Amino acid sequence: MTDPNVPPPRDDRPDVVHHTTINNPPSDRGGAGWIGFLVGGLVVVLIIIGIVVYSNGSLNRATDTKVDLDVDLPTAPALPAPDLPDLPSVEPPSVPDPEPAPAN
């Protein structure tokens, strides 16, 4: 019986060793995103349908929106307006006639 820990003798090994490289690219997962979006949309639609069915379509809305309010606001006291000073009279500026006269 041979010991498995002992390497085989040199005569059994080939002189030339060929190496083969195998590249396994990652699997394409490009189509998985829209499925999640679709399932999420269906869940939202089912929740909305459940709310409408559970609430019997009313959603607890008030039927009477008539409101009557009586508010007493205090009035502001009448204060006399302060006396303003008289403004001095100002003459408008004079514009000189253009020379020479503009061409027609």
PDB file of N, CA and C in Angstrom:
ATOM      1  N   MET A   1       0.838  -1.157   0.000  1.00  0.00           N
ATOM      2  CA  MET A   1       0.000   0.000   0.000  1.00  0.00           C
ATOM      3  C   MET A   1       0.896   1.237   0.000  1.00  0.00           C
ATOM      4  N   THR A   2       0.452   2.249  -0.734  1.00  0.00           N
ATOM      5  CA  THR A   2       1.256   3.458  -0.840  1.00  0.00           C
ATOM      6  C   THR A   2       0.771   4.495   0.152  1.00  0.00           C
ATOM      7  N   ASP A   3       1.723   5.274   0.594  1.00  0.00           N
ATOM      8  CA  ASP A   3       1.413   6.338   1.537  1.00  0.00           C
ATOM      9  C   ASP A   3       0.868   7.532   0.757  1.00  0.00           C
ATOM     10  N   PRO A   4      -0.339   8.066   1.074  1.00  0.00           N
ATOM     11  CA  PRO A   4      -0.896   9.174   0.305  1.00  0.00           C
ATOM     12  C   PRO A   4      -0.142  10.486   0.524  1.00  0.00           C
ATOM     13  N   ASN A   5       0.658  10.594   1.542  1.00  0.00           N
ATOM     14  CA  ASN A   5       1.388  11.821   1.816  1.00  0.00           C
ATOM     15  C   ASN A   5       2.706  11.915   1.057  1.00  0.00           C
ATOM     16  N   VAL A   6       3.092  10.867   0.408  1.00  0.00           N
ATOM     17  CA  VAL A   6       4.353  10.854  -0.338  1.00  0.00           C
ATOM     18  C   VAL A   6       4.031  11.200  -1.787  1.00  0.00           C
ATOM     19  N   PRO A   7       4.731  12.168  -2.386  1.00  0.00           N
ATOM     20  CA  PRO A   7       4.454  12.494  -3.778  1.00  0.00           C
ATOM     21  C   PRO A   7       4.803  11.323  -4.689  1.00  0.00           C
ATOM     22  N   PRO A   8       4.132  11.208  -5.823  1.00  0.00           N
ATOM     23  CA  PRO A   8       4.438  10.099  -6.738  1.00  0.00           C
ATOM     24  C   PRO A   8       5.848  10.261  -7.307  1.00  0.00           C
ATOM     25  N   PRO A   9       6.435   9.196  -7.753  1.00  0.00           N
ATOM     26  CA  PRO A   9       7.789   9.295  -8.307  1.00  0.00           C
ATOM     27  C   PRO A   9       7.809  10.161  -9.557  1.00  0.00           C
ATOM     28  N   ARG A  10       8.975  10.708  -9.887  1.00  0.00           N
ATOM     29  CA  ARG A  10       9.162  11.644 -10.994  1.00  0.00           C
ATOM     30  C   ARG A  10       8.847  11.009 -12.339  1.00  0.00           C
ATOM     31  N   ASP A  11       8.964   9.742 -12.499  1.00  0.00           N
ATOM     32  CA  ASP A  11       8.769   9.082 -13.783  1.00  0.00           C
ATOM     33  C   ASP A  11       7.309   9.135 -14.240  1.00  0.00           C
ATOM     34  N   ASP A  12       6.358   9.263 -13.311  1.00  0.00           N
ATOM     35  CA  ASP A  12       4.948   9.261 -13.680  1.00  0.00           C
ATOM     36  C   ASP A  12       4.459  10.626 -14.169  1.00  0.00           C
ATOM     37  N   ARG A  13       5.212  11.676 -13.872  1.00  0.00           N
ATOM     38  CA  ARG A  13       4.765  13.016 -14.233  1.00  0.00           C
ATOM     39  C   ARG A  13       5.154  13.330 -15.672  1.00  0.00           C
ATOM     40  N   PRO A  14       4.254  14.034 -16.381  1.00  0.00           N
ATOM     41  CA  PRO A  14       4.632  14.431 -17.743  1.00  0.00           C
ATOM     42  C   PRO A  14       5.646  15.577 -17.698  1.00  0.00           C
ATOM     43  N   ASP A  15       6.443  15.719 -18.756  1.00  0.00           N
ATOM     44  CA  ASP A  15       7.448  16.777 -18.801  1.00  0.00           C
ATOM     45  C   ASP A  15       6.835  18.137 -19.116  1.00  0.00           C
ATOM     46  N   VAL A  16       5.745  18.158 -19.852  1.00  0.00           N
ATOM     47  CA  VAL A  16       5.096  19.405 -20.231  1.00  0.00           C
ATOM     48  C   VAL A  16       3.763  19.495 -19.482  1.00  0.00           C
ATOM     49  N   VAL A  17       3.540  20.633 -18.835  1.00  0.00           N
ATOM     50  CA  VAL A  17       2.297  20.847 -18.103  1.00  0.00           C
ATOM     51  C   VAL A  17       1.498  21.907 -18.851  1.00  0.00           C
ATOM     52  N   HIS A  18       0.277  21.587 -19.215  1.00  0.00           N
ATOM     53  CA  HIS A  18      -0.607  22.520 -19.907  1.00  0.00           C
ATOM     54  C   HIS A  18      -1.573  23.124 -18.890  1.00  0.00           C
ATOM     55  N   HIS A  19      -1.713  24.454 -18.932  1.00  0.00           N
ATOM     56  CA  HIS A  19      -2.631  25.148 -18.039  1.00  0.00           C
ATOM     57  C   HIS A  19      -3.836  25.631 -18.838  1.00  0.00           C
ATOM     58  N   THR A  20      -4.994  25.440 -18.289  1.00  0.00           N
ATOM     59  CA  THR A  20      -6.216  25.906 -18.917  1.00  0.00           C
ATOM     60  C   THR A  20      -6.891  26.893 -17.973  1.00  0.00           C
ATOM     61  N   THR A  21      -7.231  28.083 -18.487  1.00  0.00           N
ATOM     62  CA  THR A  21      -7.897  29.092 -17.678  1.00  0.00           C
ATOM     63  C   THR A  21      -9.351  29.155 -18.111  1.00  0.00           C
ATOM     64  N   ILE A  22     -10.253  29.054 -17.161  1.00  0.00           N
ATOM     65  CA  ILE A  22     -11.680  29.123 -17.443  1.00  0.00           C
ATOM     66  C   ILE A  22     -12.219  30.370 -16.760  1.00  0.00           C
ATOM     67  N   ASN A  23     -12.750  31.258 -17.577  1.00  0.00           N
ATOM     68  CA  ASN A  23     -13.348  32.490 -17.053  1.00  0.00           C
ATOM     69  C   ASN A  23     -14.862  32.309 -16.991  1.00  0.00           C
ATOM     70  N   ASN A  24     -15.403  32.414 -15.804  1.00  0.00           N
ATOM     71  CA  ASN A  24     -16.841  32.324 -15.623  1.00  0.00           C
ATOM     72  C   ASN A  24     -17.366  33.730 -15.317  1.00  0.00           C
ATOM     73  N   PRO A  25     -17.933  34.406 -16.320  1.00  0.00           N
ATOM     74  CA  PRO A  25     -18.451  35.749 -16.042  1.00  0.00           C
ATOM     75  C   PRO A  25     -19.660  35.676 -15.109  1.00  0.00           C
ATOM     76  N   PRO A  26     -19.902  36.746 -14.347  1.00  0.00           N
ATOM     77  CA  PRO A  26     -21.068  36.724 -13.450  1.00  0.00           C
ATOM     78  C   PRO A  26     -22.354  36.658 -14.268  1.00  0.00           C
ATOM     79  N   SER A  27     -23.357  36.061 -13.672  1.00  0.00           N
ATOM     80  CA  SER A  27     -24.628  35.928 -14.380  1.00  0.00           C
ATOM     81  C   SER A  27     -25.275  37.307 -14.556  1.00  0.00           C
ATOM     82  N   ASP A  28     -25.990  37.484 -15.647  1.00  0.00           N
ATOM     83  CA  ASP A  28     -26.637  38.754 -15.963  1.00  0.00           C
ATOM     84  C   ASP A  28     -27.919  38.863 -15.156  1.00  0.00           C
ATOM     85  N   ARG A  29     -28.006  39.901 -14.325  1.00  0.00           N
ATOM     86  CA  ARG A  29     -29.197  40.122 -13.510  1.00  0.00           C
ATOM     87  C   ARG A  29     -29.896  41.404 -13.940  1.00  0.00           C
ATOM     88  N   GLY A  30     -29.828  41.766 -15.190  1.00  0.00           N
ATOM     89  CA  GLY A  30     -30.395  43.024 -15.656  1.00  0.00           C
ATOM     90  C   GLY A  30     -31.908  43.066 -15.648  1.00  0.00           C
ATOM     91  N   GLY A  31     -32.586  41.932 -15.713  1.00  0.00           N
ATOM     92  CA  GLY A  31     -34.039  41.926 -15.782  1.00  0.00           C
ATOM     93  C   GLY A  31     -34.718  41.822 -14.447  1.00  0.00           C
ATOM     94  N   ALA A  32     -33.993  41.765 -13.353  1.00  0.00           N
ATOM     95  CA  ALA A  32     -34.611  41.553 -12.048  1.00  0.00           C
ATOM     96  C   ALA A  32     -35.163  42.839 -11.451  1.00  0.00           C
ATOM     97  N   GLY A  33     -34.707  43.998 -11.875  1.00  0.00           N
ATOM     98  CA  GLY A  33     -35.150  45.258 -11.272  1.00  0.00           C
ATOM     99  C   GLY A  33     -36.595  45.582 -11.562  1.00  0.00           C
ATOM    100  N   TRP A  34     -37.057  45.341 -12.750  1.00  0.00           N
ATOM    101  CA  TRP A  34     -38.426  45.707 -13.092  1.00  0.00           C
ATOM    102  C   TRP A  34     -39.429  44.796 -12.407  1.00  0.00           C
ATOM    103  N   ILE A  35     -39.030  43.584 -12.065  1.00  0.00           N
ATOM    104  CA  ILE A  35     -39.951  42.671 -11.373  1.00  0.00           C
ATOM    105  C   ILE A  35     -40.247  43.211  -9.970  1.00  0.00           C
ATOM    106  N   GLY A  36     -39.217  43.696  -9.289  1.00  0.00           N
ATOM    107  CA  GLY A  36     -39.429  44.296  -7.969  1.00  0.00           C
ATOM    108  C   GLY A  36     -40.302  45.531  -8.041  1.00  0.00           C
ATOM    109  N   PHE A  37     -40.095  46.347  -9.066  1.00  0.00           N
ATOM    110  CA  PHE A  37     -40.916  47.536  -9.265  1.00  0.00           C
ATOM    111  C   PHE A  37     -42.370  47.150  -9.510  1.00  0.00           C
ATOM    112  N   LEU A  38     -42.588  46.116 -10.316  1.00  0.00           N
ATOM    113  CA  LEU A  38     -43.940  45.657 -10.619  1.00  0.00           C
ATOM    114  C   LEU A  38     -44.622  45.106  -9.369  1.00  0.00           C
ATOM    115  N   VAL A  39     -43.923  44.297  -8.597  1.00  0.00           N
ATOM    116  CA  VAL A  39     -44.507  43.729  -7.383  1.00  0.00           C
ATOM    117  C   VAL A  39     -44.818  44.835  -6.376  1.00  0.00           C
ATOM    118  N   GLY A  40     -43.919  45.821  -6.251  1.00  0.00           N
ATOM    119  CA  GLY A  40     -44.178  46.944  -5.346  1.00  0.00           C
ATOM    120  C   GLY A  40     -45.402  47.731  -5.766  1.00  0.00           C
ATOM    121  N   GLY A  41     -45.560  47.953  -7.066  1.00  0.00           N
ATOM    122  CA  GLY A  41     -46.750  48.658  -7.555  1.00  0.00           C
ATOM    123  C   GLY A  41     -48.021  47.892  -7.277  1.00  0.00           C
ATOM    124  N   LEU A  42     -47.971  46.577  -7.444  1.00  0.00           N
ATOM    125  CA  LEU A  42     -49.156  45.763  -7.159  1.00  0.00           C
ATOM    126  C   LEU A  42     -49.511  45.807  -5.674  1.00  0.00           C
ATOM    127  N   VAL A  43     -48.506  45.819  -4.815  1.00  0.00           N
ATOM    128  CA  VAL A  43     -48.766  45.904  -3.372  1.00  0.00           C
ATOM    129  C   VAL A  43     -49.448  47.230  -3.042  1.00  0.00           C
ATOM    130  N   VAL A  44     -48.976  48.325  -3.626  1.00  0.00           N
ATOM    131  CA  VAL A  44     -49.587  49.636  -3.373  1.00  0.00           C
ATOM    132  C   VAL A  44     -51.034  49.656  -3.862  1.00  0.00           C
ATOM    133  N   VAL A  45     -51.298  49.099  -5.038  1.00  0.00           N
ATOM    134  CA  VAL A  45     -52.669  49.057  -5.563  1.00  0.00           C
ATOM    135  C   VAL A  45     -53.569  48.217  -4.662  1.00  0.00           C
ATOM    136  N   LEU A  46     -53.066  47.092  -4.184  1.00  0.00           N
ATOM    137  CA  LEU A  46     -53.866  46.253  -3.285  1.00  0.00           C
ATOM    138  C   LEU A  46     -54.156  46.960  -1.966  1.00  0.00           C
ATOM    139  N   ILE A  47     -53.206  47.733  -1.456  1.00  0.00           N
ATOM    140  CA  ILE A  47     -53.442  48.485  -0.219  1.00  0.00           C
ATOM    141  C   ILE A  47     -54.523  49.537  -0.440  1.00  0.00           C
ATOM    142  N   ILE A  48     -54.477  50.226  -1.568  1.00  0.00           N
ATOM    143  CA  ILE A  48     -55.494  51.243  -1.860  1.00  0.00           C
ATOM    144  C   ILE A  48     -56.868  50.600  -1.998  1.00  0.00           C
ATOM    145  N   ILE A  49     -56.950  49.468  -2.692  1.00  0.00           N
ATOM    146  CA  ILE A  49     -58.237  48.767  -2.839  1.00  0.00           C
ATOM    147  C   ILE A  49     -58.736  48.306  -1.476  1.00  0.00           C
ATOM    148  N   GLY A  50     -57.849  47.820  -0.624  1.00  0.00           N
ATOM    149  CA  GLY A  50     -58.242  47.388   0.717  1.00  0.00           C
ATOM    150  C   GLY A  50     -58.785  48.528   1.557  1.00  0.00           C
ATOM    151  N   ILE A  51     -58.166  49.693   1.455  1.00  0.00           N
ATOM    152  CA  ILE A  51     -58.648  50.855   2.219  1.00  0.00           C
ATOM    153  C   ILE A  51     -60.039  51.259   1.747  1.00  0.00           C
ATOM    154  N   VAL A  52     -60.261  51.277   0.432  1.00  0.00           N
ATOM    155  CA  VAL A  52     -61.570  51.665  -0.092  1.00  0.00           C
ATOM    156  C   VAL A  52     -62.634  50.645   0.303  1.00  0.00           C
ATOM    157  N   VAL A  53     -62.307  49.362   0.227  1.00  0.00           N
ATOM    158  CA  VAL A  53     -63.280  48.333   0.587  1.00  0.00           C
ATOM    159  C   VAL A  53     -63.564  48.369   2.086  1.00  0.00           C
ATOM    160  N   TYR A  54     -62.527  48.533   2.904  1.00  0.00           N
ATOM    161  CA  TYR A  54     -62.705  48.535   4.355  1.00  0.00           C
ATOM    162  C   TYR A  54     -63.506  49.752   4.821  1.00  0.00           C
ATOM    163  N   SER A  55     -63.269  50.895   4.207  1.00  0.00           N
ATOM    164  CA  SER A  55     -63.959  52.106   4.635  1.00  0.00           C
ATOM    165  C   SER A  55     -65.305  52.271   3.943  1.00  0.00           C
ATOM    166  N   ASN A  56     -65.684  51.329   3.113  1.00  0.00           N
ATOM    167  CA  ASN A  56     -66.959  51.349   2.398  1.00  0.00           C
ATOM    168  C   ASN A  56     -67.057  52.568   1.486  1.00  0.00           C
ATOM    169  N   GLY A  57     -65.929  53.082   1.050  1.00  0.00           N
ATOM    170  CA  GLY A  57     -65.901  54.185   0.105  1.00  0.00           C
ATOM    171  C   GLY A  57     -66.109  55.548   0.708  1.00  0.00           C
ATOM    172  N   SER A  58     -66.351  55.641   2.017  1.00  0.00           N
ATOM    173  CA  SER A  58     -66.659  56.955   2.594  1.00  0.00           C
ATOM    174  C   SER A  58     -65.424  57.657   3.126  1.00  0.00           C
ATOM    175  N   LEU A  59     -64.454  56.936   3.632  1.00  0.00           N
ATOM    176  CA  LEU A  59     -63.224  57.480   4.210  1.00  0.00           C
ATOM    177  C   LEU A  59     -63.510  58.508   5.309  1.00  0.00           C
ATOM    178  N   ASN A  60     -64.642  58.334   6.033  1.00  0.00           N
ATOM    179  CA  ASN A  60     -65.028  59.147   7.192  1.00  0.00           C
ATOM    180  C   ASN A  60     -65.032  60.639   6.878  1.00  0.00           C
ATOM    181  N   ARG A  61     -65.599  61.011   5.797  1.00  0.00           N
ATOM    182  CA  ARG A  61     -65.682  62.423   5.435  1.00  0.00           C
ATOM    183  C   ARG A  61     -66.912  63.043   6.074  1.00  0.00           C
ATOM    184  N   ALA A  62     -66.792  64.293   6.463  1.00  0.00           N
ATOM    185  CA  ALA A  62     -67.921  65.003   7.056  1.00  0.00           C
ATOM    186  C   ALA A  62     -68.940  65.320   5.966  1.00  0.00           C
ATOM    187  N   THR A  63     -70.206  65.139   6.289  1.00  0.00           N
ATOM    188  CA  THR A  63     -71.238  65.409   5.292  1.00  0.00           C
ATOM    189  C   THR A  63     -71.714  66.855   5.381  1.00  0.00           C
ATOM    190  N   ASP A  64     -71.638  67.467   6.580  1.00  0.00           N
ATOM    191  CA  ASP A  64     -72.098  68.835   6.745  1.00  0.00           C
ATOM    192  C   ASP A  64     -70.881  69.735   6.941  1.00  0.00           C
ATOM    193  N   THR A  65     -70.701  70.671   6.024  1.00  0.00           N
ATOM    194  CA  THR A  65     -69.550  71.569   6.114  1.00  0.00           C
ATOM    195  C   THR A  65     -69.963  72.986   6.457  1.00  0.00           C
ATOM    196  N   LYS A  66     -71.191  73.180   6.921  1.00  0.00           N
ATOM    197  CA  LYS A  66     -71.682  74.511   7.267  1.00  0.00           C
ATOM    198  C   LYS A  66     -71.158  74.876   8.654  1.00  0.00           C
ATOM    199  N   VAL A  67     -70.491  76.033   8.739  1.00  0.00           N
ATOM    200  CA  VAL A  67     -69.906  76.470  10.001  1.00  0.00           C
ATOM    201  C   VAL A  67     -70.380  77.884  10.275  1.00  0.00           C
ATOM    202  N   ASP A  68     -70.815  78.132  11.512  1.00  0.00           N
ATOM    203  CA  ASP A  68     -71.273  79.459  11.901  1.00  0.00           C
ATOM    204  C   ASP A  68     -70.336  79.974  12.992  1.00  0.00           C
ATOM    205  N   LEU A  69     -69.669  81.087  12.724  1.00  0.00           N
ATOM    206  CA  LEU A  69     -68.725  81.660  13.684  1.00  0.00           C
ATOM    207  C   LEU A  69     -69.154  83.075  14.029  1.00  0.00           C
ATOM    208  N   ASP A  70     -69.133  83.385  15.305  1.00  0.00           N
ATOM    209  CA  ASP A  70     -69.346  84.749  15.789  1.00  0.00           C
ATOM    210  C   ASP A  70     -68.087  85.152  16.534  1.00  0.00           C
ATOM    211  N   VAL A  71     -67.391  86.145  16.012  1.00  0.00           N
ATOM    212  CA  VAL A  71     -66.154  86.588  16.626  1.00  0.00           C
ATOM    213  C   VAL A  71     -66.298  88.065  16.943  1.00  0.00           C
ATOM    214  N   ASP A  72     -66.087  88.414  18.197  1.00  0.00           N
ATOM    215  CA  ASP A  72     -66.133  89.811  18.618  1.00  0.00           C
ATOM    216  C   ASP A  72     -64.695  90.321  18.678  1.00  0.00           C
ATOM    217  N   LEU A  73     -64.374  91.211  17.755  1.00  0.00           N
ATOM    218  CA  LEU A  73     -63.039  91.779  17.714  1.00  0.00           C
ATOM    219  C   LEU A  73     -63.038  93.130  18.406  1.00  0.00           C
ATOM    220  N   PRO A  74     -62.026  93.388  19.206  1.00  0.00           N
ATOM    221  CA  PRO A  74     -61.970  94.703  19.853  1.00  0.00           C
ATOM    222  C   PRO A  74     -61.597  95.762  18.825  1.00  0.00           C
ATOM    223  N   THR A  75     -62.113  96.961  19.038  1.00  0.00           N
ATOM    224  CA  THR A  75     -61.798  98.052  18.121  1.00  0.00           C
ATOM    225  C   THR A  75     -60.566  98.786  18.629  1.00  0.00           C
ATOM    226  N   ALA A  76     -59.795  99.290  17.700  1.00  0.00           N
ATOM    227  CA  ALA A  76     -58.603 100.042  18.058  1.00  0.00           C
ATOM    228  C   ALA A  76     -59.017 101.444  18.503  1.00  0.00           C
ATOM    229  N   PRO A  77     -58.347 101.992  19.512  1.00  0.00           N
ATOM    230  CA  PRO A  77     -58.714 103.348  19.948  1.00  0.00           C
ATOM    231  C   PRO A  77     -58.352 104.368  18.874  1.00  0.00           C
ATOM    232  N   ALA A  78     -59.169 105.378  18.769  1.00  0.00           N
ATOM    233  CA  ALA A  78     -58.926 106.423  17.773  1.00  0.00           C
ATOM    234  C   ALA A  78     -57.869 107.372  18.318  1.00  0.00           C
ATOM    235  N   LEU A  79     -56.729 107.390  17.684  1.00  0.00           N
ATOM    236  CA  LEU A  79     -55.652 108.273  18.091  1.00  0.00           C
ATOM    237  C   LEU A  79     -55.586 109.441  17.114  1.00  0.00           C
ATOM    238  N   PRO A  80     -55.322 110.635  17.599  1.00  0.00           N
ATOM    239  CA  PRO A  80     -55.201 111.751  16.655  1.00  0.00           C
ATOM    240  C   PRO A  80     -53.919 111.602  15.845  1.00  0.00           C
ATOM    241  N   ALA A  81     -54.014 111.942  14.579  1.00  0.00           N
ATOM    242  CA  ALA A  81     -52.844 111.869  13.708  1.00  0.00           C
ATOM    243  C   ALA A  81     -51.897 113.003  14.071  1.00  0.00           C
ATOM    244  N   PRO A  82     -50.598 112.744  14.031  1.00  0.00           N
ATOM    245  CA  PRO A  82     -49.672 113.833  14.378  1.00  0.00           C
ATOM    246  C   PRO A  82     -49.691 114.915  13.306  1.00  0.00           C
ATOM    247  N   ASP A  83     -49.429 116.160  13.739  1.00  0.00           N
ATOM    248  CA  ASP A  83     -49.377 117.272  12.796  1.00  0.00           C
ATOM    249  C   ASP A  83     -48.075 117.196  12.018  1.00  0.00           C
ATOM    250  N   LEU A  84     -48.195 117.268  10.701  1.00  0.00           N
ATOM    251  CA  LEU A  84     -47.018 117.212   9.844  1.00  0.00           C
ATOM    252  C   LEU A  84     -46.561 118.623   9.519  1.00  0.00           C
ATOM    253  N   PRO A  85     -45.264 118.826   9.363  1.00  0.00           N
ATOM    254  CA  PRO A  85     -44.798 120.174   9.028  1.00  0.00           C
ATOM    255  C   PRO A  85     -45.143 120.516   7.585  1.00  0.00           C
ATOM    256  N   ASP A  86     -45.217 121.826   7.312  1.00  0.00           N
ATOM    257  CA  ASP A  86     -45.467 122.284   5.952  1.00  0.00           C
ATOM    258  C   ASP A  86     -44.199 122.117   5.128  1.00  0.00           C
ATOM    259  N   LEU A  87     -44.339 121.590   3.920  1.00  0.00           N
ATOM    260  CA  LEU A  87     -43.189 121.399   3.046  1.00  0.00           C
ATOM    261  C   LEU A  87     -42.891 122.690   2.299  1.00  0.00           C
ATOM    262  N   PRO A  88     -41.608 122.993   2.082  1.00  0.00           N
ATOM    263  CA  PRO A  88     -41.291 124.206   1.321  1.00  0.00           C
ATOM    264  C   PRO A  88     -41.671 124.026  -0.141  1.00  0.00           C
ATOM    265  N   SER A  89     -42.013 125.096  -0.788  1.00  0.00           N
ATOM    266  CA  SER A  89     -42.368 125.009  -2.201  1.00  0.00           C
ATOM    267  C   SER A  89     -41.093 124.900  -3.028  1.00  0.00           C
ATOM    268  N   VAL A  90     -41.099 124.046  -3.994  1.00  0.00           N
ATOM    269  CA  VAL A  90     -39.940 123.796  -4.848  1.00  0.00           C
ATOM    270  C   VAL A  90     -40.368 124.005  -6.280  1.00  0.00           C
ATOM    271  N   GLU A  91     -39.579 124.801  -7.006  1.00  0.00           N
ATOM    272  CA  GLU A  91     -39.877 125.018  -8.418  1.00  0.00           C
ATOM    273  C   GLU A  91     -39.271 123.881  -9.226  1.00  0.00           C
ATOM    274  N   PRO A  92     -39.977 123.436 -10.251  1.00  0.00           N
ATOM    275  CA  PRO A  92     -39.417 122.353 -11.063  1.00  0.00           C
ATOM    276  C   PRO A  92     -38.198 122.860 -11.840  1.00  0.00           C
ATOM    277  N   PRO A  93     -37.265 122.003 -12.175  1.00  0.00           N
ATOM    278  CA  PRO A  93     -36.085 122.454 -12.903  1.00  0.00           C
ATOM    279  C   PRO A  93     -36.464 122.898 -14.305  1.00  0.00           C
ATOM    280  N   SER A  94     -35.706 123.862 -14.800  1.00  0.00           N
ATOM    281  CA  SER A  94     -35.961 124.351 -16.159  1.00  0.00           C
ATOM    282  C   SER A  94     -35.024 123.634 -17.116  1.00  0.00           C
ATOM    283  N   VAL A  95     -35.539 123.294 -18.291  1.00  0.00           N
ATOM    284  CA  VAL A  95     -34.762 122.583 -19.294  1.00  0.00           C
ATOM    285  C   VAL A  95     -34.434 123.574 -20.408  1.00  0.00           C
ATOM    286  N   PRO A  96     -33.156 123.772 -20.737  1.00  0.00           N
ATOM    287  CA  PRO A  96     -32.835 124.725 -21.801  1.00  0.00           C
ATOM    288  C   PRO A  96     -33.242 124.178 -23.164  1.00  0.00           C
ATOM    289  N   ASP A  97     -33.516 125.114 -24.097  1.00  0.00           N
ATOM    290  CA  ASP A  97     -33.856 124.713 -25.454  1.00  0.00           C
ATOM    291  C   ASP A  97     -32.617 124.149 -26.133  1.00  0.00           C
ATOM    292  N   PRO A  98     -32.754 123.071 -26.920  1.00  0.00           N
ATOM    293  CA  PRO A  98     -31.572 122.521 -27.587  1.00  0.00           C
ATOM    294  C   PRO A  98     -31.109 123.424 -28.716  1.00  0.00           C
ATOM    295  N   GLU A  99     -29.812 123.533 -28.861  1.00  0.00           N
ATOM    296  CA  GLU A  99     -29.238 124.311 -29.970  1.00  0.00           C
ATOM    297  C   GLU A  99     -28.235 123.455 -30.680  1.00  0.00           C
ATOM    298  N   PRO A 100     -28.147 123.383 -31.862  1.00  0.00           N
ATOM    299  CA  PRO A 100     -29.047 123.860 -32.897  1.00  0.00           C
ATOM    300  C   PRO A 100     -30.346 123.071 -32.899  1.00  0.00           C
ATOM    301  N   ALA A 101     -31.295 123.561 -33.645  1.00  0.00           N
ATOM    302  CA  ALA A 101     -32.601 122.926 -33.714  1.00  0.00           C
ATOM    303  C   ALA A 101     -32.460 121.550 -34.357  1.00  0.00           C
ATOM    304  N   PRO A 102     -33.196 120.563 -33.893  1.00  0.00           N
ATOM    305  CA  PRO A 102     -33.094 119.223 -34.484  1.00  0.00           C
ATOM    306  C   PRO A 102     -33.569 119.208 -35.940  1.00  0.00           C
ATOM    307  N   ALA A 103     -32.939 118.363 -36.733  1.00  0.00           N
ATOM    308  CA  ALA A 103     -33.294 118.259 -38.155  1.00  0.00           C
ATOM    309  C   ALA A 103     -34.594 117.490 -38.316  1.00  0.00           C
ATOM    310  N   ASN A 104     -35.345 117.876 -39.326  1.00  0.00           N
ATOM    311  CA  ASN A 104     -36.623 117.205 -39.585  1.00  0.00           C
ATOM    312  C   ASN A 104     -36.431 115.997 -40.398  1.00  0.00           C
TER     313      ASN A 104
END
